[in-house]
Amino acid sequence: MNAWQTIRLVAGRELGLRIRGRAFRFSTLVTVLLVIGVIAAPTFFPGDDETDYQLALIGDTPAELRPAIEESAALLNVRYSLVEDIALQEAEDAVLDGDVDAAIVNSATVILKNDNDDRLRSLVGGALRRIEQSQRLREAGLDPEKVAETLGAAPDFQERILEPDRNNDDPQVGFFAVAAMFGAILLYSQWVMSGVLEEKSSRVVEVILGAVTPRRLMAGKVLGIGSLGLLQLAILAAAGGAAAVATGSGLPQAGVTAALTAMFWFLLGFSFYAVLSAVAAALVSRQEDLQVAFLPVMGVAMTSYMFAFATSQNPEGSVARIGSLVPTVAPFLMSARAAQSSVPLTEQAAAAGLMVLSIWALAVVGARIYSGAILRFGPRTKLREAWKRT
C-alpha cells in the first residue's frame, strides 16, 4: 500500500474504534441534549421581563390618563394595575410602605418613594407628558389624534445600503467563539495523546509498527481523531440548528457560513496541536507522566488563547490582524473575528496559508521525534535522544 492508503487505513481504524466506544456516544448524547436544552429553554421557560406596578389615582383624573398610562406601559413592556378611591394621606402611606409604587395626584403631581426606578418614572412621566401635549395642541387649535397620525405615519421611501454594517459589536460573541474553539481543539488533542499512550503502554504499538511506519501511524491517528471531532461538531451544529428552527428562535444571520468557517479553522488548529500532542505522548511511557508531558502543549495553547481572548474585543484592530497570522493563535482568533465581522478573503488566505505551512513543518519535525520515541520504553525520553534515534 502507498502512504495515503496506509494513513487512511489507520485513520479508519481509529475512527471506527472510537465511534463505537461508549465515551464518544455518551459525550455526544449529553452535549446534544445540553445544546438543545440551552436553545429550547427560553421557549418552555420564558423569563418574566415584565414588571408589575401598582399606581394610585387621586383627585381629578382626565379621560386621557388611562389610555396614556396604557400606551406608556406597552412601550416599556411593563404591567400595571390602578388603585382608585383612595385619599391622599392613605396613598402616601401606601407608597412609603411599598404597597403602592406611585401615586398620581390630579394628573399633575407624582408621589414616589425614591428616584431609583427609572422604568417607573418613565411610565408615569410619559403618561403625564402625553396628556400635557394633548392639552397644548388643543389650545393651539390642533387635533391631537390627527397630529399623532401624521407624525406616526410610516415613511414612504426606499433604502439603498451601499456598505452594510456586518459587524457584531457584542464582545461576548467573540469571547464565546474563542472559548469554544479552545475547548474543542484541546479536547480532541487530548484524545490523540491518550490514544498514543494507550498503544505504547500496552505495547500494541510494537505489533502495529510491524506493518505501518511511525510517520504514517501518527498521521493516521491525527486524521482519524480529527474526523471524529469534526463529526461530533457537525452533529452538535445540526442539533442546535434543528432546535432553533423547531422552537421558532431562527438561525442567526450567516449561521451556516459561520459554522463552516469554524469547522475549517478547527481542522487547522486541531492538526497543529494534535501533532504536538502526539509527539508529547510518544515521549512518555506511563499514564502518570502524561499530564507533565502535556504541559508544554497546554502552555502554548493557553497563551495563544489568552491573547486571542483579549484581542477579540477589537476584531478589526491592527493587533488582531497581526495576531491572526500567528499559527498558534490563528484558529482561536480567526474564528472569533469571523463570528463578529466579515474578514477579508486576503487575510483569511494568508492566515490559512501560514497555518498549513506551519502544520507541514511541524509534522516533518514531529514525525521524526515520534519515530525515535514511540518504541522507547521506561523513563521519559528527551527530545534530543528521540531526534538522534531516528
Protein backbone atom coordinates (compact mmCIF):
# COMPACT_ATOMS: atom_id res chain seq x y z
CA MET A 1 0.00 0.00 0.00
CA ASN A 2 1.11 3.52 -0.69
CA ALA A 3 1.39 6.19 2.01
CA TRP A 4 -2.12 7.61 1.59
CA GLN A 5 -3.76 4.18 1.68
CA THR A 6 -1.88 3.31 4.85
CA ILE A 7 -2.82 6.59 6.53
CA ARG A 8 -6.45 6.09 5.56
CA LEU A 9 -6.37 2.58 6.97
CA VAL A 10 -5.01 3.80 10.31
CA ALA A 11 -7.47 6.70 10.37
CA GLY A 12 -10.38 4.37 9.62
CA ARG A 13 -9.32 2.03 12.41
CA GLU A 14 -9.01 4.92 14.86
CA LEU A 15 -12.36 6.37 13.81
CA GLY A 16 -14.13 3.01 13.97
CA LEU A 17 -12.80 2.11 17.40
CA ARG A 18 -13.69 5.42 18.97
CA ILE A 19 -17.05 5.96 17.32
CA ARG A 20 -18.21 2.62 18.73
CA GLY A 21 -16.92 3.47 22.18
CA ARG A 22 -19.26 4.39 24.98
CA ALA A 23 -17.31 7.52 25.81
CA PHE A 24 -17.89 9.07 22.39
CA ARG A 25 -21.57 8.12 22.22
CA PHE A 26 -22.27 9.23 25.78
CA SER A 27 -20.44 12.57 25.42
CA THR A 28 -22.17 13.25 22.10
CA LEU A 29 -25.61 12.46 23.52
CA VAL A 30 -25.09 14.57 26.64
CA THR A 31 -23.72 17.52 24.65
CA VAL A 32 -26.56 17.34 22.10
CA LEU A 33 -29.13 17.35 24.90
CA LEU A 34 -27.32 20.27 26.53
CA VAL A 35 -27.27 22.29 23.29
CA ILE A 36 -30.96 21.59 22.64
CA GLY A 37 -31.81 22.43 26.23
CA VAL A 38 -29.99 25.77 26.14
CA ILE A 39 -31.71 26.77 22.89
CA ALA A 40 -35.17 25.49 23.84
CA ALA A 41 -35.17 26.69 27.46
CA PRO A 42 -36.37 30.25 26.67
CA THR A 43 -39.34 28.78 24.80
CA PHE A 44 -40.52 26.43 27.54
CA PHE A 45 -39.42 28.57 30.47
CA PRO A 46 -39.78 32.15 29.29
CA GLY A 47 -38.31 34.73 31.57
CA ASP A 48 -40.59 37.30 33.10
CA ASP A 49 -39.10 40.52 31.79
CA GLU A 50 -42.22 42.49 32.63
CA THR A 51 -42.59 44.47 35.85
CA ASP A 52 -45.91 44.79 37.65
CA TYR A 53 -46.58 48.24 39.12
CA GLN A 54 -49.43 49.48 41.26
CA LEU A 55 -50.46 53.08 40.62
CA ALA A 56 -52.84 55.10 42.79
CA LEU A 57 -55.03 57.74 41.14
CA ILE A 58 -56.06 60.62 43.41
CA GLY A 59 -58.34 63.56 42.66
CA ASP A 60 -59.48 64.58 39.20
CA THR A 61 -58.34 62.17 36.52
CA PRO A 62 -58.98 63.19 32.92
CA ALA A 63 -60.23 60.62 30.45
CA GLU A 64 -56.89 60.67 28.62
CA LEU A 65 -54.92 59.48 31.65
CA ARG A 66 -55.77 55.79 31.49
CA PRO A 67 -55.06 55.41 27.73
CA ALA A 68 -51.81 57.37 28.24
CA ILE A 69 -50.70 55.03 31.04
CA GLU A 70 -51.60 52.01 28.91
CA GLU A 71 -49.56 53.34 25.99
CA SER A 72 -46.53 54.04 28.21
CA ALA A 73 -46.78 50.57 29.75
CA ALA A 74 -46.86 48.95 26.32
CA LEU A 75 -43.77 50.86 25.19
CA LEU A 76 -41.85 49.95 28.35
CA ASN A 77 -43.10 46.32 28.42
CA VAL A 78 -44.47 46.56 31.96
CA ARG A 79 -47.72 45.54 33.61
CA TYR A 80 -49.68 47.80 35.90
CA SER A 81 -52.81 47.97 38.00
CA LEU A 82 -54.71 51.03 39.16
CA VAL A 83 -55.88 51.81 42.68
CA GLU A 84 -58.68 54.40 42.87
CA ASP A 85 -60.93 55.88 45.52
CA ILE A 86 -58.02 56.44 47.87
CA ALA A 87 -57.25 59.51 49.98
CA LEU A 88 -54.02 61.46 49.62
CA GLN A 89 -52.63 60.60 53.07
CA GLU A 90 -53.56 56.96 52.62
CA ALA A 91 -51.81 56.91 49.23
CA GLU A 92 -48.63 58.47 50.70
CA ASP A 93 -48.57 55.86 53.45
CA ALA A 94 -49.06 53.09 50.87
CA VAL A 95 -46.15 54.45 48.81
CA LEU A 96 -43.90 54.58 51.87
CA ASP A 97 -44.89 51.04 52.87
CA GLY A 98 -44.32 49.73 49.34
CA ASP A 99 -47.95 48.69 48.85
CA VAL A 100 -48.27 51.22 46.02
CA ASP A 101 -45.39 52.09 43.69
CA ALA A 102 -46.55 55.59 42.74
CA ALA A 103 -49.49 57.95 43.26
CA ILE A 104 -50.70 60.46 40.68
CA VAL A 105 -52.45 63.48 42.18
CA ASN A 106 -54.79 65.49 39.96
CA SER A 107 -52.76 64.45 36.87
CA ALA A 108 -50.15 67.00 37.90
CA THR A 109 -48.11 65.56 40.77
CA VAL A 110 -46.42 62.18 41.09
CA ILE A 111 -45.58 60.74 44.51
CA LEU A 112 -42.67 58.26 44.61
CA LYS A 113 -40.82 56.66 47.48
CA ASN A 114 -37.44 57.30 45.81
CA ASP A 115 -35.99 58.02 42.39
CA ASN A 116 -34.19 54.68 41.91
CA ASP A 117 -36.67 53.10 39.47
CA ASP A 118 -36.22 54.79 36.10
CA ARG A 119 -38.79 52.48 34.49
CA LEU A 120 -41.49 53.57 36.94
CA ARG A 121 -40.62 57.22 36.46
CA SER A 122 -40.80 56.77 32.68
CA LEU A 123 -44.17 55.06 32.99
CA VAL A 124 -45.94 57.80 34.93
CA GLY A 125 -43.90 60.67 33.49
CA GLY A 126 -44.50 59.56 29.91
CA ALA A 127 -48.26 59.29 30.52
CA LEU A 128 -48.49 62.75 32.06
CA ARG A 129 -46.38 64.28 29.29
CA ARG A 130 -48.75 62.86 26.69
CA ILE A 131 -51.72 64.44 28.44
CA GLU A 132 -49.91 67.79 28.67
CA GLN A 133 -49.01 67.70 24.97
CA SER A 134 -52.62 66.89 24.02
CA GLN A 135 -53.89 69.84 26.03
CA ARG A 136 -51.40 72.23 24.45
CA LEU A 137 -52.31 71.02 20.95
CA ARG A 138 -56.00 71.63 21.63
CA GLU A 139 -55.25 75.12 22.95
CA ALA A 140 -53.39 75.77 19.68
CA GLY A 141 -56.44 74.65 17.70
CA LEU A 142 -54.93 71.35 16.55
CA ASP A 143 -56.43 67.88 16.74
CA PRO A 144 -54.07 65.65 18.82
CA GLU A 145 -55.24 62.49 17.03
CA LYS A 146 -54.53 63.92 13.57
CA VAL A 147 -51.14 65.22 14.72
CA ALA A 148 -50.24 61.81 16.15
CA GLU A 149 -51.45 60.09 12.99
CA THR A 150 -49.36 62.41 10.81
CA LEU A 151 -46.22 62.09 12.93
CA GLY A 152 -46.61 58.35 13.33
CA ALA A 153 -47.20 57.57 9.65
CA ALA A 154 -44.76 55.14 8.10
CA PRO A 155 -42.19 56.86 5.86
CA ASP A 156 -42.70 56.28 2.17
CA PHE A 157 -39.14 55.77 0.85
CA GLN A 158 -36.73 53.06 -0.24
CA GLU A 159 -33.39 52.19 1.34
CA ARG A 160 -30.18 51.66 -0.60
CA ILE A 161 -27.39 50.47 1.69
CA LEU A 162 -24.07 50.77 -0.07
CA GLU A 163 -21.91 49.32 2.66
CA PRO A 164 -23.88 47.29 5.20
CA ASP A 165 -22.55 47.12 8.72
CA ARG A 166 -21.80 43.43 9.07
CA ASN A 167 -20.05 43.69 12.40
CA ASN A 168 -21.45 42.19 15.56
CA ASP A 169 -20.44 44.68 18.24
CA ASP A 170 -21.23 42.34 21.12
CA PRO A 171 -17.85 41.22 22.53
CA GLN A 172 -19.49 38.16 24.09
CA VAL A 173 -19.79 36.65 20.61
CA GLY A 174 -16.03 36.82 20.19
CA PHE A 175 -15.40 35.52 23.70
CA PHE A 176 -17.68 32.53 23.12
CA ALA A 177 -16.08 31.72 19.75
CA VAL A 178 -12.56 31.79 21.24
CA ALA A 179 -13.55 29.67 24.25
CA ALA A 180 -15.46 27.13 22.15
CA MET A 181 -12.60 26.68 19.69
CA PHE A 182 -10.07 26.39 22.51
CA GLY A 183 -12.15 23.74 24.28
CA ALA A 184 -12.75 21.69 21.13
CA ILE A 185 -9.11 21.69 19.98
CA LEU A 186 -7.75 20.83 23.43
CA LEU A 187 -10.33 18.10 23.98
CA TYR A 188 -9.57 16.20 20.78
CA SER A 189 -5.83 16.80 21.13
CA GLN A 190 -6.01 15.05 24.48
CA TRP A 191 -7.75 12.15 22.72
CA VAL A 192 -4.71 11.89 20.47
CA MET A 193 -2.41 11.85 23.48
CA SER A 194 -4.46 9.18 25.21
CA GLY A 195 -4.56 7.02 22.08
CA VAL A 196 -0.80 7.21 21.58
CA LEU A 197 -0.04 6.41 25.21
CA GLU A 198 -2.57 3.55 25.37
CA GLU A 199 -0.93 1.79 22.45
CA LYS A 200 2.57 2.49 23.73
CA SER A 201 1.99 1.45 27.34
CA SER A 202 0.23 -1.77 26.29
CA ARG A 203 2.95 -2.41 23.66
CA VAL A 204 0.29 -2.78 20.97
CA VAL A 205 2.29 -0.23 19.02
CA GLU A 206 5.06 -2.83 18.51
CA VAL A 207 2.62 -5.00 16.56
CA ILE A 208 1.20 -2.08 14.58
CA LEU A 209 4.63 -0.81 13.60
CA GLY A 210 5.34 -4.18 12.05
CA ALA A 211 3.06 -3.13 9.18
CA VAL A 212 2.98 0.69 9.42
CA THR A 213 5.77 3.22 9.67
CA PRO A 214 5.71 5.56 12.69
CA ARG A 215 5.13 8.62 10.50
CA ARG A 216 2.09 7.09 8.84
CA LEU A 217 0.80 5.86 12.19
CA MET A 218 0.96 9.36 13.64
CA ALA A 219 -0.65 10.91 10.56
CA GLY A 220 -3.44 8.31 10.60
CA LYS A 221 -4.16 8.94 14.27
CA VAL A 222 -4.39 12.69 13.75
CA LEU A 223 -6.62 12.25 10.70
CA GLY A 224 -8.89 9.68 12.36
CA ILE A 225 -9.46 11.59 15.60
CA GLY A 226 -9.77 14.86 13.70
CA SER A 227 -12.52 13.32 11.57
CA LEU A 228 -14.22 12.09 14.71
CA GLY A 229 -14.09 15.56 16.24
CA LEU A 230 -15.42 17.13 13.06
CA LEU A 231 -18.27 14.61 13.01
CA GLN A 232 -19.19 15.40 16.59
CA LEU A 233 -19.12 19.14 15.95
CA ALA A 234 -21.31 18.67 12.85
CA ILE A 235 -23.81 16.68 14.93
CA LEU A 236 -23.90 19.43 17.55
CA ALA A 237 -24.32 22.15 14.92
CA ALA A 238 -27.14 20.22 13.25
CA ALA A 239 -28.87 19.62 16.59
CA GLY A 240 -28.56 23.27 17.52
CA GLY A 241 -29.90 24.42 14.15
CA ALA A 242 -32.82 21.99 14.30
CA ALA A 243 -33.66 23.12 17.84
CA ALA A 244 -33.53 26.78 16.82
CA VAL A 245 -35.89 26.17 13.89
CA ALA A 246 -38.25 23.95 15.91
CA THR A 247 -38.58 26.46 18.75
CA GLY A 248 -39.01 29.39 16.39
CA SER A 249 -35.78 31.04 17.52
CA GLY A 250 -34.49 31.02 13.98
CA LEU A 251 -30.94 30.57 12.77
CA PRO A 252 -28.61 33.51 13.23
CA GLN A 253 -27.69 35.53 10.17
CA ALA A 254 -24.99 33.81 8.12
CA GLY A 255 -25.10 30.95 10.63
CA VAL A 256 -24.20 28.28 8.09
CA THR A 257 -21.22 30.25 6.82
CA ALA A 258 -20.00 30.91 10.35
CA ALA A 259 -20.31 27.20 11.21
CA LEU A 260 -18.37 26.13 8.12
CA THR A 261 -15.69 28.72 8.85
CA ALA A 262 -15.40 27.48 12.43
CA MET A 263 -15.05 23.88 11.25
CA PHE A 264 -12.33 24.88 8.78
CA TRP A 265 -10.31 26.58 11.50
CA PHE A 266 -10.96 23.70 13.85
CA LEU A 267 -9.35 21.32 11.35
CA LEU A 268 -6.28 23.52 11.01
CA GLY A 269 -5.99 24.20 14.72
CA PHE A 270 -6.55 20.59 15.67
CA SER A 271 -3.95 19.37 13.16
CA PHE A 272 -1.38 21.75 14.63
CA TYR A 273 -1.99 20.95 18.29
CA ALA A 274 -2.67 17.24 17.66
CA VAL A 275 0.80 16.77 16.19
CA LEU A 276 2.29 18.46 19.25
CA SER A 277 0.16 16.23 21.48
CA ALA A 278 1.17 13.04 19.67
CA VAL A 279 4.86 13.91 19.99
CA ALA A 280 4.44 14.76 23.67
CA ALA A 281 2.68 11.44 24.36
CA ALA A 282 5.34 9.45 22.49
CA LEU A 283 8.00 10.80 24.86
CA VAL A 284 6.46 9.08 27.92
CA SER A 285 5.51 5.51 28.78
CA ARG A 286 3.32 5.85 31.86
CA GLN A 287 -0.12 7.36 32.36
CA GLU A 288 1.04 9.38 35.37
CA ASP A 289 3.60 11.18 33.17
CA LEU A 290 1.02 12.19 30.56
CA GLN A 291 -0.08 15.42 32.22
CA VAL A 292 3.51 16.55 32.68
CA ALA A 293 4.21 15.86 29.02
CA PHE A 294 1.10 17.82 28.03
CA LEU A 295 2.14 20.93 29.98
CA PRO A 296 4.22 22.50 27.16
CA VAL A 297 1.37 21.97 24.68
CA MET A 298 -1.09 23.38 27.19
CA GLY A 299 1.16 26.35 27.85
CA VAL A 300 1.36 27.28 24.18
CA ALA A 301 -2.38 26.81 23.73
CA MET A 302 -3.28 28.77 26.86
CA THR A 303 -1.00 31.69 25.97
CA SER A 304 -2.47 31.83 22.47
CA TYR A 305 -5.99 31.54 23.87
CA MET A 306 -5.49 34.44 26.29
CA PHE A 307 -4.07 36.60 23.52
CA ALA A 308 -7.00 35.78 21.23
CA PHE A 309 -9.47 36.31 24.07
CA ALA A 310 -8.09 39.79 24.77
CA THR A 311 -7.81 40.96 21.17
CA SER A 312 -11.22 39.61 20.10
CA GLN A 313 -12.80 42.70 21.65
CA ASN A 314 -11.46 44.68 18.69
CA PRO A 315 -11.57 42.19 15.77
CA GLU A 316 -10.66 44.79 13.16
CA GLY A 317 -7.74 46.29 15.07
CA SER A 318 -4.16 46.01 13.90
CA VAL A 319 -3.20 43.77 16.84
CA ALA A 320 -5.95 41.29 15.96
CA ARG A 321 -4.99 41.29 12.29
CA ILE A 322 -1.33 40.65 13.02
CA GLY A 323 -2.19 38.03 15.64
CA SER A 324 -4.34 36.18 13.11
CA LEU A 325 -1.17 35.39 11.15
CA VAL A 326 0.49 33.62 14.11
CA PRO A 327 -0.17 29.86 13.68
CA THR A 328 -0.65 29.12 17.38
CA VAL A 329 -3.20 31.95 17.70
CA ALA A 330 -4.92 31.87 14.30
CA PRO A 331 -7.50 29.10 14.99
CA PHE A 332 -8.83 30.89 18.07
CA LEU A 333 -8.65 34.47 16.85
CA MET A 334 -9.85 33.88 13.28
CA SER A 335 -12.93 32.00 14.50
CA ALA A 336 -13.74 34.94 16.80
CA ARG A 337 -13.20 37.52 14.05
CA ALA A 338 -15.33 35.54 11.61
CA ALA A 339 -18.15 35.39 14.18
CA GLN A 340 -18.04 39.14 14.75
CA SER A 341 -17.25 40.60 11.34
CA SER A 342 -16.57 39.83 7.72
CA VAL A 343 -12.86 39.05 7.48
CA PRO A 344 -11.36 39.89 4.06
CA LEU A 345 -10.54 36.86 1.93
CA THR A 346 -6.94 38.01 1.55
CA GLU A 347 -6.43 37.89 5.33
CA GLN A 348 -8.12 34.51 5.59
CA ALA A 349 -5.99 33.11 2.77
CA ALA A 350 -2.78 34.49 4.27
CA ALA A 351 -3.58 33.13 7.73
CA ALA A 352 -4.64 29.74 6.36
CA GLY A 353 -1.55 29.53 4.14
CA LEU A 354 0.81 30.22 7.03
CA MET A 355 -1.10 27.73 9.13
CA VAL A 356 -0.79 24.97 6.51
CA LEU A 357 2.96 25.61 6.12
CA SER A 358 3.40 25.51 9.90
CA ILE A 359 1.48 22.24 10.16
CA TRP A 360 3.60 20.71 7.40
CA ALA A 361 6.88 21.82 9.03
CA LEU A 362 5.69 20.68 12.45
CA ALA A 363 4.59 17.33 11.04
CA VAL A 364 8.01 16.74 9.47
CA VAL A 365 9.86 17.54 12.67
CA GLY A 366 7.25 15.89 14.89
CA ALA A 367 7.21 12.69 12.84
CA ARG A 368 10.95 12.29 13.32
CA ILE A 369 10.72 12.79 17.09
CA TYR A 370 7.68 10.50 17.24
CA SER A 371 9.56 7.79 15.33
CA GLY A 372 12.51 7.99 17.69
CA ALA A 373 10.44 7.91 20.88
CA ILE A 374 7.44 5.66 20.23
CA LEU A 375 9.37 2.41 20.72
CA ARG A 376 11.44 3.65 23.65
CA PHE A 377 10.02 2.45 26.97
CA GLY A 378 10.95 3.35 30.51
CA PRO A 379 11.77 6.86 31.74
CA ARG A 380 10.68 9.91 29.80
CA THR A 381 12.58 10.28 26.54
CA LYS A 382 14.33 13.58 25.94
CA LEU A 383 13.77 15.40 22.65
CA ARG A 384 17.46 15.22 21.73
CA GLU A 385 17.56 11.48 22.30
CA ALA A 386 14.43 10.91 20.24
CA TRP A 387 15.83 13.02 17.40
CA LYS A 388 19.13 11.10 17.32
CA ARG A 389 17.48 7.68 17.45
CA THR A 390 15.76 8.16 14.09
